[in-house]
Amino acid sequence: MAKQYFHFTLGPVQGFVAQARRTRDFWSGSFLLSWLSGVAMVDVQKQGGEIKFPIPAEGYLDWLEGNGIGKPPEQGAIPNRFKAVSAEVPEDFDPKVVVETIRSAWRELAEKVWQKDT
């Protein structure tokens, strides 16, 4: 079996975060990008991939799957990318599934925000 690597980058970060007008907006944007990168990591792992760098804080990914223990994360702990040399994936790995998982997570979050705002 040939080794395959998955390279993930979420962006553009600067344009997204630069829209912040307040400190809490800056924090929220950074947290969202970190959260979406975590969603991608979880999906890579579900497909049998192994992420060696960066390693999220202990229990961080558990919170993304609803299995968190203790206090939930209060700040983003995952960068907006993990490099190809860090995520080894099996031959049948489908990167399109990761993309759809992130889009689905974004839509679900937007729907929850919409419901709370009305």
PDB file of N, CA and C in Angstrom:
ATOM      1  N   MET A   1       0.842  -1.180   0.000  1.00  0.00           N
ATOM      2  CA  MET A   1       0.000   0.000   0.000  1.00  0.00           C
ATOM      3  C   MET A   1       0.888   1.244   0.000  1.00  0.00           C
ATOM      4  N   ALA A   2       0.672   2.106  -0.975  1.00  0.00           N
ATOM      5  CA  ALA A   2       1.440   3.346  -1.076  1.00  0.00           C
ATOM      6  C   ALA A   2       0.957   4.346  -0.028  1.00  0.00           C
ATOM      7  N   LYS A   3       1.903   5.092   0.520  1.00  0.00           N
ATOM      8  CA  LYS A   3       1.532   6.124   1.490  1.00  0.00           C
ATOM      9  C   LYS A   3       0.928   7.309   0.752  1.00  0.00           C
ATOM     10  N   GLN A   4      -0.123   7.849   1.344  1.00  0.00           N
ATOM     11  CA  GLN A   4      -0.746   9.058   0.825  1.00  0.00           C
ATOM     12  C   GLN A   4      -0.811  10.065   1.962  1.00  0.00           C
ATOM     13  N   TYR A   5      -0.742  11.330   1.588  1.00  0.00           N
ATOM     14  CA  TYR A   5      -0.814  12.380   2.588  1.00  0.00           C
ATOM     15  C   TYR A   5      -1.875  13.388   2.184  1.00  0.00           C
ATOM     16  N   PHE A   6      -2.522  13.926   3.183  1.00  0.00           N
ATOM     17  CA  PHE A   6      -3.593  14.887   2.970  1.00  0.00           C
ATOM     18  C   PHE A   6      -3.126  16.248   3.462  1.00  0.00           C
ATOM     19  N   HIS A   7      -3.250  17.248   2.615  1.00  0.00           N
ATOM     20  CA  HIS A   7      -2.871  18.621   2.975  1.00  0.00           C
ATOM     21  C   HIS A   7      -4.142  19.448   3.070  1.00  0.00           C
ATOM     22  N   PHE A   8      -4.360  20.069   4.214  1.00  0.00           N
ATOM     23  CA  PHE A   8      -5.569  20.853   4.441  1.00  0.00           C
ATOM     24  C   PHE A   8      -5.197  22.283   4.799  1.00  0.00           C
ATOM     25  N   THR A   9      -5.848  23.222   4.129  1.00  0.00           N
ATOM     26  CA  THR A   9      -5.713  24.640   4.468  1.00  0.00           C
ATOM     27  C   THR A   9      -7.090  25.280   4.378  1.00  0.00           C
ATOM     28  N   LEU A  10      -7.458  26.022   5.388  1.00  0.00           N
ATOM     29  CA  LEU A  10      -8.723  26.734   5.424  1.00  0.00           C
ATOM     30  C   LEU A  10      -8.415  28.227   5.328  1.00  0.00           C
ATOM     31  N   GLY A  11      -9.007  28.892   4.384  1.00  0.00           N
ATOM     32  CA  GLY A  11      -8.681  30.312   4.252  1.00  0.00           C
ATOM     33  C   GLY A  11      -9.560  30.985   3.226  1.00  0.00           C
ATOM     34  N   PRO A  12      -9.346  32.234   2.978  1.00  0.00           N
ATOM     35  CA  PRO A  12      -8.226  33.051   3.444  1.00  0.00           C
ATOM     36  C   PRO A  12      -8.458  33.557   4.868  1.00  0.00           C
ATOM     37  N   VAL A  13      -7.503  33.322   5.717  1.00  0.00           N
ATOM     38  CA  VAL A  13      -7.618  33.692   7.127  1.00  0.00           C
ATOM     39  C   VAL A  13      -7.593  35.206   7.317  1.00  0.00           C
ATOM     40  N   GLN A  14      -6.616  35.862   6.715  1.00  0.00           N
ATOM     41  CA  GLN A  14      -6.455  37.300   6.935  1.00  0.00           C
ATOM     42  C   GLN A  14      -7.708  38.083   6.563  1.00  0.00           C
ATOM     43  N   GLY A  15      -8.276  37.784   5.403  1.00  0.00           N
ATOM     44  CA  GLY A  15      -9.478  38.487   4.975  1.00  0.00           C
ATOM     45  C   GLY A  15     -10.662  38.230   5.891  1.00  0.00           C
ATOM     46  N   PHE A  16     -10.755  37.003   6.400  1.00  0.00           N
ATOM     47  CA  PHE A  16     -11.862  36.626   7.281  1.00  0.00           C
ATOM     48  C   PHE A  16     -11.739  37.334   8.633  1.00  0.00           C
ATOM     49  N   VAL A  17     -10.567  37.244   9.234  1.00  0.00           N
ATOM     50  CA  VAL A  17     -10.352  37.823  10.563  1.00  0.00           C
ATOM     51  C   VAL A  17     -10.279  39.346  10.499  1.00  0.00           C
ATOM     52  N   ALA A  18      -9.781  39.883   9.385  1.00  0.00           N
ATOM     53  CA  ALA A  18      -9.629  41.342   9.256  1.00  0.00           C
ATOM     54  C   ALA A  18     -10.971  42.072   9.271  1.00  0.00           C
ATOM     55  N   GLN A  19     -12.054  41.369   9.063  1.00  0.00           N
ATOM     56  CA  GLN A  19     -13.376  41.991   9.078  1.00  0.00           C
ATOM     57  C   GLN A  19     -13.848  42.310  10.499  1.00  0.00           C
ATOM     58  N   ALA A  20     -13.115  41.837  11.491  1.00  0.00           N
ATOM     59  CA  ALA A  20     -13.492  42.068  12.885  1.00  0.00           C
ATOM     60  C   ALA A  20     -13.447  43.556  13.218  1.00  0.00           C
ATOM     61  N   ARG A  21     -14.454  44.008  13.936  1.00  0.00           N
ATOM     62  CA  ARG A  21     -14.508  45.397  14.374  1.00  0.00           C
ATOM     63  C   ARG A  21     -14.267  45.523  15.876  1.00  0.00           C
ATOM     64  N   ARG A  22     -14.497  44.441  16.577  1.00  0.00           N
ATOM     65  CA  ARG A  22     -14.317  44.426  18.028  1.00  0.00           C
ATOM     66  C   ARG A  22     -13.426  43.248  18.400  1.00  0.00           C
ATOM     67  N   THR A  23     -12.904  43.276  19.597  1.00  0.00           N
ATOM     68  CA  THR A  23     -12.046  42.188  20.063  1.00  0.00           C
ATOM     69  C   THR A  23     -12.809  40.871  20.062  1.00  0.00           C
ATOM     70  N   ARG A  24     -14.062  40.894  20.488  1.00  0.00           N
ATOM     71  CA  ARG A  24     -14.839  39.649  20.512  1.00  0.00           C
ATOM     72  C   ARG A  24     -15.083  39.120  19.109  1.00  0.00           C
ATOM     73  N   ASP A  25     -15.190  40.011  18.107  1.00  0.00           N
ATOM     74  CA  ASP A  25     -15.339  39.562  16.724  1.00  0.00           C
ATOM     75  C   ASP A  25     -14.056  38.878  16.243  1.00  0.00           C
ATOM     76  N   PHE A  26     -12.918  39.458  16.612  1.00  0.00           N
ATOM     77  CA  PHE A  26     -11.633  38.864  16.264  1.00  0.00           C
ATOM     78  C   PHE A  26     -11.507  37.488  16.891  1.00  0.00           C
ATOM     79  N   TRP A  27     -11.850  37.393  18.185  1.00  0.00           N
ATOM     80  CA  TRP A  27     -11.797  36.120  18.896  1.00  0.00           C
ATOM     81  C   TRP A  27     -12.735  35.111  18.240  1.00  0.00           C
ATOM     82  N   SER A  28     -13.955  35.529  17.933  1.00  0.00           N
ATOM     83  CA  SER A  28     -14.936  34.615  17.329  1.00  0.00           C
ATOM     84  C   SER A  28     -14.451  34.087  15.993  1.00  0.00           C
ATOM     85  N   GLY A  29     -13.908  34.967  15.160  1.00  0.00           N
ATOM     86  CA  GLY A  29     -13.403  34.534  13.861  1.00  0.00           C
ATOM     87  C   GLY A  29     -12.267  33.539  14.003  1.00  0.00           C
ATOM     88  N   SER A  30     -11.355  33.806  14.905  1.00  0.00           N
ATOM     89  CA  SER A  30     -10.241  32.891  15.142  1.00  0.00           C
ATOM     90  C   SER A  30     -10.737  31.551  15.673  1.00  0.00           C
ATOM     91  N   PHE A  31     -11.701  31.606  16.594  1.00  0.00           N
ATOM     92  CA  PHE A  31     -12.251  30.372  17.159  1.00  0.00           C
ATOM     93  C   PHE A  31     -12.956  29.556  16.073  1.00  0.00           C
ATOM     94  N   LEU A  32     -13.732  30.226  15.222  1.00  0.00           N
ATOM     95  CA  LEU A  32     -14.431  29.514  14.144  1.00  0.00           C
ATOM     96  C   LEU A  32     -13.459  28.807  13.204  1.00  0.00           C
ATOM     97  N   LEU A  33     -12.386  29.483  12.818  1.00  0.00           N
ATOM     98  CA  LEU A  33     -11.402  28.863  11.936  1.00  0.00           C
ATOM     99  C   LEU A  33     -10.744  27.656  12.602  1.00  0.00           C
ATOM    100  N   SER A  34     -10.434  27.791  13.883  1.00  0.00           N
ATOM    101  CA  SER A  34      -9.844  26.679  14.620  1.00  0.00           C
ATOM    102  C   SER A  34     -10.838  25.525  14.719  1.00  0.00           C
ATOM    103  N   TRP A  35     -12.082  25.838  15.010  1.00  0.00           N
ATOM    104  CA  TRP A  35     -13.131  24.826  15.120  1.00  0.00           C
ATOM    105  C   TRP A  35     -13.301  24.070  13.799  1.00  0.00           C
ATOM    106  N   LEU A  36     -13.344  24.791  12.688  1.00  0.00           N
ATOM    107  CA  LEU A  36     -13.501  24.141  11.385  1.00  0.00           C
ATOM    108  C   LEU A  36     -12.292  23.270  11.047  1.00  0.00           C
ATOM    109  N   SER A  37     -11.092  23.697  11.418  1.00  0.00           N
ATOM    110  CA  SER A  37      -9.916  22.850  11.215  1.00  0.00           C
ATOM    111  C   SER A  37     -10.019  21.582  12.057  1.00  0.00           C
ATOM    112  N   GLY A  38     -10.534  21.730  13.274  1.00  0.00           N
ATOM    113  CA  GLY A  38     -10.760  20.563  14.132  1.00  0.00           C
ATOM    114  C   GLY A  38     -11.778  19.619  13.534  1.00  0.00           C
ATOM    115  N   VAL A  39     -12.834  20.167  12.942  1.00  0.00           N
ATOM    116  CA  VAL A  39     -13.844  19.340  12.262  1.00  0.00           C
ATOM    117  C   VAL A  39     -13.174  18.528  11.158  1.00  0.00           C
ATOM    118  N   ALA A  40     -12.273  19.165  10.414  1.00  0.00           N
ATOM    119  CA  ALA A  40     -11.538  18.460   9.350  1.00  0.00           C
ATOM    120  C   ALA A  40     -10.673  17.349   9.934  1.00  0.00           C
ATOM    121  N   MET A  41      -9.989  17.628  11.043  1.00  0.00           N
ATOM    122  CA  MET A  41      -9.136  16.615  11.668  1.00  0.00           C
ATOM    123  C   MET A  41      -9.944  15.405  12.111  1.00  0.00           C
ATOM    124  N   VAL A  42     -11.089  15.664  12.717  1.00  0.00           N
ATOM    125  CA  VAL A  42     -11.950  14.572  13.167  1.00  0.00           C
ATOM    126  C   VAL A  42     -12.367  13.707  11.978  1.00  0.00           C
ATOM    127  N   ASP A  43     -12.715  14.343  10.866  1.00  0.00           N
ATOM    128  CA  ASP A  43     -13.136  13.580   9.697  1.00  0.00           C
ATOM    129  C   ASP A  43     -11.977  12.779   9.100  1.00  0.00           C
ATOM    130  N   VAL A  44     -10.789  13.359   9.082  1.00  0.00           N
ATOM    131  CA  VAL A  44      -9.611  12.618   8.606  1.00  0.00           C
ATOM    132  C   VAL A  44      -9.413  11.371   9.467  1.00  0.00           C
ATOM    133  N   GLN A  45      -9.537  11.520  10.782  1.00  0.00           N
ATOM    134  CA  GLN A  45      -9.377  10.383  11.681  1.00  0.00           C
ATOM    135  C   GLN A  45     -10.473   9.339  11.461  1.00  0.00           C
ATOM    136  N   LYS A  46     -11.697   9.780  11.228  1.00  0.00           N
ATOM    137  CA  LYS A  46     -12.800   8.840  10.988  1.00  0.00           C
ATOM    138  C   LYS A  46     -12.570   8.009   9.727  1.00  0.00           C
ATOM    139  N   GLN A  47     -11.834   8.596   8.764  1.00  0.00           N
ATOM    140  CA  GLN A  47     -11.537   7.876   7.536  1.00  0.00           C
ATOM    141  C   GLN A  47     -10.245   7.058   7.641  1.00  0.00           C
ATOM    142  N   GLY A  48      -9.695   6.958   8.840  1.00  0.00           N
ATOM    143  CA  GLY A  48      -8.508   6.140   9.054  1.00  0.00           C
ATOM    144  C   GLY A  48      -7.199   6.886   8.931  1.00  0.00           C
ATOM    145  N   GLY A  49      -7.250   8.211   8.788  1.00  0.00           N
ATOM    146  CA  GLY A  49      -6.029   9.003   8.704  1.00  0.00           C
ATOM    147  C   GLY A  49      -5.423   9.249  10.065  1.00  0.00           C
ATOM    148  N   GLU A  50      -4.133   9.516  10.079  1.00  0.00           N
ATOM    149  CA  GLU A  50      -3.427   9.794  11.326  1.00  0.00           C
ATOM    150  C   GLU A  50      -2.771  11.163  11.226  1.00  0.00           C
ATOM    151  N   ILE A  51      -3.085  12.021  12.163  1.00  0.00           N
ATOM    152  CA  ILE A  51      -2.529  13.372  12.182  1.00  0.00           C
ATOM    153  C   ILE A  51      -1.463  13.421  13.265  1.00  0.00           C
ATOM    154  N   LYS A  52      -0.249  13.754  12.846  1.00  0.00           N
ATOM    155  CA  LYS A  52       0.872  13.779  13.783  1.00  0.00           C
ATOM    156  C   LYS A  52       1.262  15.189  14.187  1.00  0.00           C
ATOM    157  N   PHE A  53       0.884  16.163  13.375  1.00  0.00           N
ATOM    158  CA  PHE A  53       1.212  17.555  13.685  1.00  0.00           C
ATOM    159  C   PHE A  53       0.259  18.476  12.951  1.00  0.00           C
ATOM    160  N   PRO A  54      -0.316  19.453  13.581  1.00  0.00           N
ATOM    161  CA  PRO A  54      -0.208  19.762  15.005  1.00  0.00           C
ATOM    162  C   PRO A  54      -1.120  18.856  15.819  1.00  0.00           C
ATOM    163  N   ILE A  55      -0.724  18.614  17.024  1.00  0.00           N
ATOM    164  CA  ILE A  55      -1.539  17.788  17.916  1.00  0.00           C
ATOM    165  C   ILE A  55      -2.403  18.724  18.750  1.00  0.00           C
ATOM    166  N   PRO A  56      -3.735  18.596  18.630  1.00  0.00           N
ATOM    167  CA  PRO A  56      -4.633  19.472  19.401  1.00  0.00           C
ATOM    168  C   PRO A  56      -4.483  19.255  20.906  1.00  0.00           C
ATOM    169  N   ALA A  57      -4.888  20.241  21.669  1.00  0.00           N
ATOM    170  CA  ALA A  57      -4.869  20.133  23.130  1.00  0.00           C
ATOM    171  C   ALA A  57      -5.666  18.907  23.561  1.00  0.00           C
ATOM    172  N   GLU A  58      -5.242  18.320  24.648  1.00  0.00           N
ATOM    173  CA  GLU A  58      -5.893  17.131  25.194  1.00  0.00           C
ATOM    174  C   GLU A  58      -7.411  17.322  25.288  1.00  0.00           C
ATOM    175  N   GLY A  59      -8.167  16.459  24.673  1.00  0.00           N
ATOM    176  CA  GLY A  59      -9.624  16.489  24.753  1.00  0.00           C
ATOM    177  C   GLY A  59     -10.311  17.461  23.813  1.00  0.00           C
ATOM    178  N   TYR A  60      -9.553  18.286  23.073  1.00  0.00           N
ATOM    179  CA  TYR A  60     -10.165  19.298  22.207  1.00  0.00           C
ATOM    180  C   TYR A  60     -11.067  18.662  21.151  1.00  0.00           C
ATOM    181  N   LEU A  61     -10.558  17.657  20.470  1.00  0.00           N
ATOM    182  CA  LEU A  61     -11.359  17.017  19.421  1.00  0.00           C
ATOM    183  C   LEU A  61     -12.555  16.261  20.001  1.00  0.00           C
ATOM    184  N   ASP A  62     -12.445  15.791  21.251  1.00  0.00           N
ATOM    185  CA  ASP A  62     -13.580  15.124  21.893  1.00  0.00           C
ATOM    186  C   ASP A  62     -14.779  16.052  21.992  1.00  0.00           C
ATOM    187  N   TRP A  63     -14.527  17.330  22.268  1.00  0.00           N
ATOM    188  CA  TRP A  63     -15.623  18.304  22.344  1.00  0.00           C
ATOM    189  C   TRP A  63     -16.324  18.458  21.006  1.00  0.00           C
ATOM    190  N   LEU A  64     -15.582  18.349  19.919  1.00  0.00           N
ATOM    191  CA  LEU A  64     -16.180  18.491  18.589  1.00  0.00           C
ATOM    192  C   LEU A  64     -17.112  17.336  18.267  1.00  0.00           C
ATOM    193  N   GLU A  65     -16.890  16.211  18.909  1.00  0.00           N
ATOM    194  CA  GLU A  65     -17.736  15.044  18.682  1.00  0.00           C
ATOM    195  C   GLU A  65     -18.808  14.886  19.764  1.00  0.00           C
ATOM    196  N   GLY A  66     -18.887  15.856  20.670  1.00  0.00           N
ATOM    197  CA  GLY A  66     -19.893  15.797  21.727  1.00  0.00           C
ATOM    198  C   GLY A  66     -19.509  14.901  22.880  1.00  0.00           C
ATOM    199  N   ASN A  67     -18.226  14.559  22.998  1.00  0.00           N
ATOM    200  CA  ASN A  67     -17.766  13.669  24.058  1.00  0.00           C
ATOM    201  C   ASN A  67     -16.834  14.368  25.041  1.00  0.00           C
ATOM    202  N   GLY A  68     -16.897  15.693  25.077  1.00  0.00           N
ATOM    203  CA  GLY A  68     -15.986  16.443  25.925  1.00  0.00           C
ATOM    204  C   GLY A  68     -16.235  16.224  27.402  1.00  0.00           C
ATOM    205  N   ILE A  69     -15.164  16.307  28.178  1.00  0.00           N
ATOM    206  CA  ILE A  69     -15.244  16.156  29.637  1.00  0.00           C
ATOM    207  C   ILE A  69     -14.667  17.425  30.259  1.00  0.00           C
ATOM    208  N   GLY A  70     -15.300  17.913  31.303  1.00  0.00           N
ATOM    209  CA  GLY A  70     -14.823  19.126  31.951  1.00  0.00           C
ATOM    210  C   GLY A  70     -15.297  20.363  31.212  1.00  0.00           C
ATOM    211  N   LYS A  71     -14.496  21.416  31.311  1.00  0.00           N
ATOM    212  CA  LYS A  71     -14.858  22.682  30.670  1.00  0.00           C
ATOM    213  C   LYS A  71     -14.597  22.620  29.164  1.00  0.00           C
ATOM    214  N   PRO A  72     -15.531  23.154  28.360  1.00  0.00           N
ATOM    215  CA  PRO A  72     -15.285  23.189  26.911  1.00  0.00           C
ATOM    216  C   PRO A  72     -14.177  24.184  26.580  1.00  0.00           C
ATOM    217  N   PRO A  73     -13.562  24.042  25.406  1.00  0.00           N
ATOM    218  CA  PRO A  73     -12.503  24.981  25.023  1.00  0.00           C
ATOM    219  C   PRO A  73     -13.024  26.414  24.952  1.00  0.00           C
ATOM    220  N   GLU A  74     -12.216  27.352  25.409  1.00  0.00           N
ATOM    221  CA  GLU A  74     -12.590  28.760  25.370  1.00  0.00           C
ATOM    222  C   GLU A  74     -11.814  29.533  24.323  1.00  0.00           C
ATOM    223  N   GLN A  75     -10.865  28.881  23.686  1.00  0.00           N
ATOM    224  CA  GLN A  75     -10.118  29.531  22.618  1.00  0.00           C
ATOM    225  C   GLN A  75      -9.717  28.486  21.584  1.00  0.00           C
ATOM    226  N   GLY A  76      -9.477  28.963  20.373  1.00  0.00           N
ATOM    227  CA  GLY A  76      -9.051  28.068  19.316  1.00  0.00           C
ATOM    228  C   GLY A  76      -7.674  27.506  19.609  1.00  0.00           C
ATOM    229  N   ALA A  77      -7.503  26.226  19.393  1.00  0.00           N
ATOM    230  CA  ALA A  77      -6.227  25.590  19.699  1.00  0.00           C
ATOM    231  C   ALA A  77      -5.625  24.885  18.491  1.00  0.00           C
ATOM    232  N   ILE A  78      -6.246  25.048  17.337  1.00  0.00           N
ATOM    233  CA  ILE A  78      -5.778  24.370  16.130  1.00  0.00           C
ATOM    234  C   ILE A  78      -5.557  25.419  15.048  1.00  0.00           C
ATOM    235  N   PRO A  79      -4.407  25.367  14.377  1.00  0.00           N
ATOM    236  CA  PRO A  79      -4.184  26.330  13.288  1.00  0.00           C
ATOM    237  C   PRO A  79      -5.091  26.025  12.101  1.00  0.00           C
ATOM    238  N   ASN A  80      -5.124  26.946  11.145  1.00  0.00           N
ATOM    239  CA  ASN A  80      -6.024  26.790  10.006  1.00  0.00           C
ATOM    240  C   ASN A  80      -5.506  25.790   8.976  1.00  0.00           C
ATOM    241  N   ARG A  81      -4.394  25.142   9.253  1.00  0.00           N
ATOM    242  CA  ARG A  81      -3.867  24.169   8.299  1.00  0.00           C
ATOM    243  C   ARG A  81      -3.127  23.052   9.015  1.00  0.00           C
ATOM    244  N   PHE A  82      -3.137  21.905   8.408  1.00  0.00           N
ATOM    245  CA  PHE A  82      -2.204  20.861   8.795  1.00  0.00           C
ATOM    246  C   PHE A  82      -1.591  20.344   7.512  1.00  0.00           C
ATOM    247  N   LYS A  83      -0.290  20.179   7.530  1.00  0.00           N
ATOM    248  CA  LYS A  83       0.452  19.930   6.307  1.00  0.00           C
ATOM    249  C   LYS A  83       0.392  18.484   5.857  1.00  0.00           C
ATOM    250  N   ALA A  84       0.670  18.314   4.574  1.00  0.00           N
ATOM    251  CA  ALA A  84       0.612  17.007   3.942  1.00  0.00           C
ATOM    252  C   ALA A  84       1.485  15.975   4.637  1.00  0.00           C
ATOM    253  N   VAL A  85       2.637  16.369   5.112  1.00  0.00           N
ATOM    254  CA  VAL A  85       3.530  15.399   5.730  1.00  0.00           C
ATOM    255  C   VAL A  85       3.049  14.979   7.114  1.00  0.00           C
ATOM    256  N   SER A  86       2.008  15.597   7.599  1.00  0.00           N
ATOM    257  CA  SER A  86       1.543  15.279   8.940  1.00  0.00           C
ATOM    258  C   SER A  86       0.335  14.370   8.990  1.00  0.00           C
ATOM    259  N   ALA A  87      -0.408  14.280   7.912  1.00  0.00           N
ATOM    260  CA  ALA A  87      -1.646  13.493   7.948  1.00  0.00           C
ATOM    261  C   ALA A  87      -1.561  12.361   6.936  1.00  0.00           C
ATOM    262  N   GLU A  88      -1.170  11.200   7.419  1.00  0.00           N
ATOM    263  CA  GLU A  88      -1.100  10.026   6.551  1.00  0.00           C
ATOM    264  C   GLU A  88      -2.491   9.416   6.470  1.00  0.00           C
ATOM    265  N   VAL A  89      -2.913   9.081   5.267  1.00  0.00           N
ATOM    266  CA  VAL A  89      -4.266   8.567   5.069  1.00  0.00           C
ATOM    267  C   VAL A  89      -4.224   7.269   4.255  1.00  0.00           C
ATOM    268  N   PRO A  90      -5.249   6.424   4.428  1.00  0.00           N
ATOM    269  CA  PRO A  90      -5.292   5.170   3.674  1.00  0.00           C
ATOM    270  C   PRO A  90      -5.615   5.412   2.199  1.00  0.00           C
ATOM    271  N   GLU A  91      -5.411   4.381   1.383  1.00  0.00           N
ATOM    272  CA  GLU A  91      -5.636   4.488  -0.055  1.00  0.00           C
ATOM    273  C   GLU A  91      -7.052   4.898  -0.416  1.00  0.00           C
ATOM    274  N   ASP A  92      -8.029   4.432   0.339  1.00  0.00           N
ATOM    275  CA  ASP A  92      -9.426   4.731   0.014  1.00  0.00           C
ATOM    276  C   ASP A  92      -9.917   6.045   0.618  1.00  0.00           C
ATOM    277  N   PHE A  93      -9.015   6.856   1.138  1.00  0.00           N
ATOM    278  CA  PHE A  93      -9.372   8.145   1.725  1.00  0.00           C
ATOM    279  C   PHE A  93      -9.998   9.053   0.669  1.00  0.00           C
ATOM    280  N   ASP A  94     -11.088   9.737   1.035  1.00  0.00           N
ATOM    281  CA  ASP A  94     -11.779  10.631   0.109  1.00  0.00           C
ATOM    282  C   ASP A  94     -11.761  12.058   0.655  1.00  0.00           C
ATOM    283  N   PRO A  95     -10.933  12.929   0.092  1.00  0.00           N
ATOM    284  CA  PRO A  95     -10.857  14.311   0.593  1.00  0.00           C
ATOM    285  C   PRO A  95     -12.159  15.078   0.408  1.00  0.00           C
ATOM    286  N   LYS A  96     -12.981  14.679  -0.549  1.00  0.00           N
ATOM    287  CA  LYS A  96     -14.261  15.367  -0.771  1.00  0.00           C
ATOM    288  C   LYS A  96     -15.181  15.208   0.438  1.00  0.00           C
ATOM    289  N   VAL A  97     -15.036  14.106   1.146  1.00  0.00           N
ATOM    290  CA  VAL A  97     -15.841  13.892   2.354  1.00  0.00           C
ATOM    291  C   VAL A  97     -15.463  14.932   3.416  1.00  0.00           C
ATOM    292  N   VAL A  98     -14.182  15.243   3.537  1.00  0.00           N
ATOM    293  CA  VAL A  98     -13.733  16.255   4.500  1.00  0.00           C
ATOM    294  C   VAL A  98     -14.326  17.615   4.137  1.00  0.00           C
ATOM    295  N   VAL A  99     -14.267  17.955   2.864  1.00  0.00           N
ATOM    296  CA  VAL A  99     -14.818  19.239   2.402  1.00  0.00           C
ATOM    297  C   VAL A  99     -16.309  19.322   2.721  1.00  0.00           C
ATOM    298  N   GLU A 100     -17.044  18.270   2.430  1.00  0.00           N
ATOM    299  CA  GLU A 100     -18.491  18.282   2.687  1.00  0.00           C
ATOM    300  C   GLU A 100     -18.787  18.323   4.188  1.00  0.00           C
ATOM    301  N   THR A 101     -17.981  17.659   4.983  1.00  0.00           N
ATOM    302  CA  THR A 101     -18.161  17.691   6.438  1.00  0.00           C
ATOM    303  C   THR A 101     -17.993  19.111   6.977  1.00  0.00           C
ATOM    304  N   ILE A 102     -16.993  19.832   6.471  1.00  0.00           N
ATOM    305  CA  ILE A 102     -16.769  21.215   6.906  1.00  0.00           C
ATOM    306  C   ILE A 102     -17.927  22.097   6.470  1.00  0.00           C
ATOM    307  N   ARG A 103     -18.357  21.944   5.233  1.00  0.00           N
ATOM    308  CA  ARG A 103     -19.492  22.749   4.752  1.00  0.00           C
ATOM    309  C   ARG A 103     -20.748  22.464   5.570  1.00  0.00           C
ATOM    310  N   SER A 104     -20.965  21.205   5.888  1.00  0.00           N
ATOM    311  CA  SER A 104     -22.128  20.828   6.690  1.00  0.00           C
ATOM    312  C   SER A 104     -22.047  21.432   8.092  1.00  0.00           C
ATOM    313  N   ALA A 105     -20.861  21.377   8.697  1.00  0.00           N
ATOM    314  CA  ALA A 105     -20.683  21.962  10.036  1.00  0.00           C
ATOM    315  C   ALA A 105     -20.939  23.465   9.998  1.00  0.00           C
ATOM    316  N   TRP A 106     -20.466  24.134   8.948  1.00  0.00           N
ATOM    317  CA  TRP A 106     -20.679  25.580   8.796  1.00  0.00           C
ATOM    318  C   TRP A 106     -22.169  25.885   8.653  1.00  0.00           C
ATOM    319  N   ARG A 107     -22.874  25.102   7.842  1.00  0.00           N
ATOM    320  CA  ARG A 107     -24.318  25.314   7.666  1.00  0.00           C
ATOM    321  C   ARG A 107     -25.074  25.079   8.974  1.00  0.00           C
ATOM    322  N   GLU A 108     -24.707  24.021   9.704  1.00  0.00           N
ATOM    323  CA  GLU A 108     -25.362  23.736  10.985  1.00  0.00           C
ATOM    324  C   GLU A 108     -25.150  24.877  11.975  1.00  0.00           C
ATOM    325  N   LEU A 109     -23.929  25.392  12.032  1.00  0.00           N
ATOM    326  CA  LEU A 109     -23.654  26.518  12.923  1.00  0.00           C
ATOM    327  C   LEU A 109     -24.456  27.741  12.515  1.00  0.00           C
ATOM    328  N   ALA A 110     -24.483  28.044  11.220  1.00  0.00           N
ATOM    329  CA  ALA A 110     -25.243  29.199  10.742  1.00  0.00           C
ATOM    330  C   ALA A 110     -26.721  29.051  11.072  1.00  0.00           C
ATOM    331  N   GLU A 111     -27.250  27.852  10.957  1.00  0.00           N
ATOM    332  CA  GLU A 111     -28.659  27.612  11.273  1.00  0.00           C
ATOM    333  C   GLU A 111     -28.922  27.846  12.768  1.00  0.00           C
ATOM    334  N   LYS A 112     -28.016  27.382  13.633  1.00  0.00           N
ATOM    335  CA  LYS A 112     -28.186  27.600  15.080  1.00  0.00           C
ATOM    336  C   LYS A 112     -28.119  29.085  15.425  1.00  0.00           C
ATOM    337  N   VAL A 113     -27.205  29.794  14.802  1.00  0.00           N
ATOM    338  CA  VAL A 113     -27.107  31.245  15.031  1.00  0.00           C
ATOM    339  C   VAL A 113     -28.403  31.910  14.559  1.00  0.00           C
ATOM    340  N   TRP A 114     -28.897  31.532  13.393  1.00  0.00           N
ATOM    341  CA  TRP A 114     -30.121  32.094  12.834  1.00  0.00           C
ATOM    342  C   TRP A 114     -31.299  31.860  13.790  1.00  0.00           C
ATOM    343  N   GLN A 115     -31.418  30.636  14.322  1.00  0.00           N
ATOM    344  CA  GLN A 115     -32.520  30.318  15.225  1.00  0.00           C
ATOM    345  C   GLN A 115     -32.441  31.133  16.514  1.00  0.00           C
ATOM    346  N   LYS A 116     -31.247  31.346  17.046  1.00  0.00           N
ATOM    347  CA  LYS A 116     -31.088  32.114  18.280  1.00  0.00           C
ATOM    348  C   LYS A 116     -31.325  33.607  18.059  1.00  0.00           C
ATOM    349  N   ASP A 117     -31.124  34.062  16.830  1.00  0.00           N
ATOM    350  CA  ASP A 117     -31.238  35.493  16.525  1.00  0.00           C
ATOM    351  C   ASP A 117     -32.683  35.918  16.273  1.00  0.00           C
ATOM    352  N   THR A 118     -33.543  34.978  15.961  1.00  0.00           N
ATOM    353  CA  THR A 118     -34.940  35.344  15.654  1.00  0.00           C
ATOM    354  C   THR A 118     -35.804  35.354  16.869  1.00  0.00           C
TER     355      THR A 118
END
